[in-house]
Amino acid sequence: MIDACLRDSYIPSEALRCIQVGLLCLQLHPNDRPNMTYVLAMLTNEIVLAQPKEPGLIIQRVSNERESTTKPSSNNEVTISLIGAR
């Protein structure tokens, strides 16, 4: 998960902390996700991090008559509103 071009220029414990915070932000239920204030606190302080639960984006196998494909799906109950000019 860490780019090879970084080689020895990162601290492994800090990289793992960033990955864990990212996973906490992807939890399935919005109430389980941290707010941005808490994300900043987790990244800058030595707060004990919770274990992530199920991520909100799950890769599911979708079968078709002709072929079987994998597609990402999300169940986050978010709507998108497009605003157009008059």
Protein backbone atom coordinates (compact mmCIF):
# COMPACT_ATOMS: atom_id res chain seq x y z
CA MET A 1 0.00 0.00 0.00
CA ILE A 2 3.03 2.26 0.32
CA ASP A 3 4.55 3.52 -2.91
CA ALA A 4 7.92 1.90 -3.62
CA CYS A 5 9.43 5.27 -4.59
CA LEU A 6 9.27 6.30 -0.91
CA ARG A 7 11.70 3.49 0.03
CA ASP A 8 13.18 4.39 3.43
CA SER A 9 11.87 7.97 3.57
CA TYR A 10 8.84 7.17 5.74
CA ILE A 11 8.27 5.91 9.26
CA PRO A 12 6.42 2.58 9.05
CA SER A 13 4.32 3.18 12.18
CA GLU A 14 3.13 6.55 10.80
CA ALA A 15 2.27 4.99 7.43
CA LEU A 16 0.27 2.23 9.12
CA ARG A 17 -1.52 4.86 11.24
CA CYS A 18 -2.53 6.78 8.10
CA ILE A 19 -3.82 3.58 6.48
CA GLN A 20 -5.85 2.71 9.60
CA VAL A 21 -7.34 6.23 9.78
CA GLY A 22 -8.27 5.92 6.10
CA LEU A 23 -10.03 2.63 6.78
CA LEU A 24 -11.93 4.19 9.68
CA CYS A 25 -13.19 6.86 7.25
CA LEU A 26 -14.54 4.14 4.89
CA GLN A 27 -16.77 2.32 7.35
CA LEU A 28 -20.14 1.15 6.07
CA HIS A 29 -22.30 3.13 8.51
CA PRO A 30 -21.79 6.92 8.51
CA ASN A 31 -22.18 7.10 12.30
CA ASP A 32 -19.12 4.83 12.64
CA ARG A 33 -16.93 7.20 10.61
CA PRO A 34 -14.87 9.87 12.41
CA ASN A 35 -15.48 13.57 11.74
CA MET A 36 -12.64 15.69 10.34
CA THR A 37 -11.71 17.14 13.74
CA TYR A 38 -11.21 13.63 15.10
CA VAL A 39 -9.33 12.56 11.93
CA LEU A 40 -6.86 15.41 12.48
CA ALA A 41 -6.50 14.43 16.13
CA MET A 42 -5.86 10.80 15.16
CA LEU A 43 -3.20 11.82 12.64
CA THR A 44 -1.38 14.31 14.86
CA ASN A 45 -1.71 12.79 18.35
CA GLU A 46 -1.06 9.46 19.93
CA ILE A 47 -4.76 8.61 20.24
CA VAL A 48 -5.42 4.87 20.40
CA LEU A 49 -7.19 4.04 17.15
CA ALA A 50 -10.27 1.84 17.00
CA GLN A 51 -10.29 -1.23 14.78
CA PRO A 52 -12.10 -0.51 11.49
CA LYS A 53 -15.37 -2.32 10.83
CA GLU A 54 -16.70 -3.33 7.41
CA PRO A 55 -15.73 -0.79 4.72
CA GLY A 56 -18.47 1.12 2.90
CA LEU A 57 -17.18 0.16 -0.54
CA ILE A 58 -17.43 -3.54 -1.20
CA ILE A 59 -16.35 -5.29 -4.36
CA GLN A 60 -19.14 -7.64 -5.38
CA ARG A 61 -19.31 -10.28 -8.08
CA VAL A 62 -22.05 -9.47 -10.61
CA SER A 63 -23.11 -12.26 -12.91
CA ASN A 64 -24.36 -11.67 -16.41
CA GLU A 65 -25.66 -14.17 -18.95
CA ARG A 66 -22.59 -13.76 -21.13
CA GLU A 67 -19.88 -12.85 -18.64
CA SER A 68 -19.10 -12.43 -14.98
CA THR A 69 -17.61 -9.10 -13.92
CA THR A 70 -16.56 -7.39 -10.73
CA LYS A 71 -17.81 -3.90 -10.02
CA PRO A 72 -17.52 -1.62 -6.99
CA SER A 73 -20.69 -0.75 -5.18
CA SER A 74 -21.42 1.57 -2.29
CA ASN A 75 -24.27 1.60 0.18
CA ASN A 76 -23.74 4.99 1.79
CA GLU A 77 -27.18 6.54 1.20
CA VAL A 78 -25.72 9.72 -0.31
CA THR A 79 -27.57 11.67 -2.97
CA ILE A 80 -26.07 13.93 -5.61
CA SER A 81 -27.81 17.13 -6.66
CA LEU A 82 -26.78 18.77 -9.91
CA ILE A 83 -27.36 22.49 -10.03
CA GLY A 84 -27.85 24.04 -13.46
CA ALA A 85 -27.77 27.68 -14.47
CA ARG A 86 -30.95 29.35 -15.65
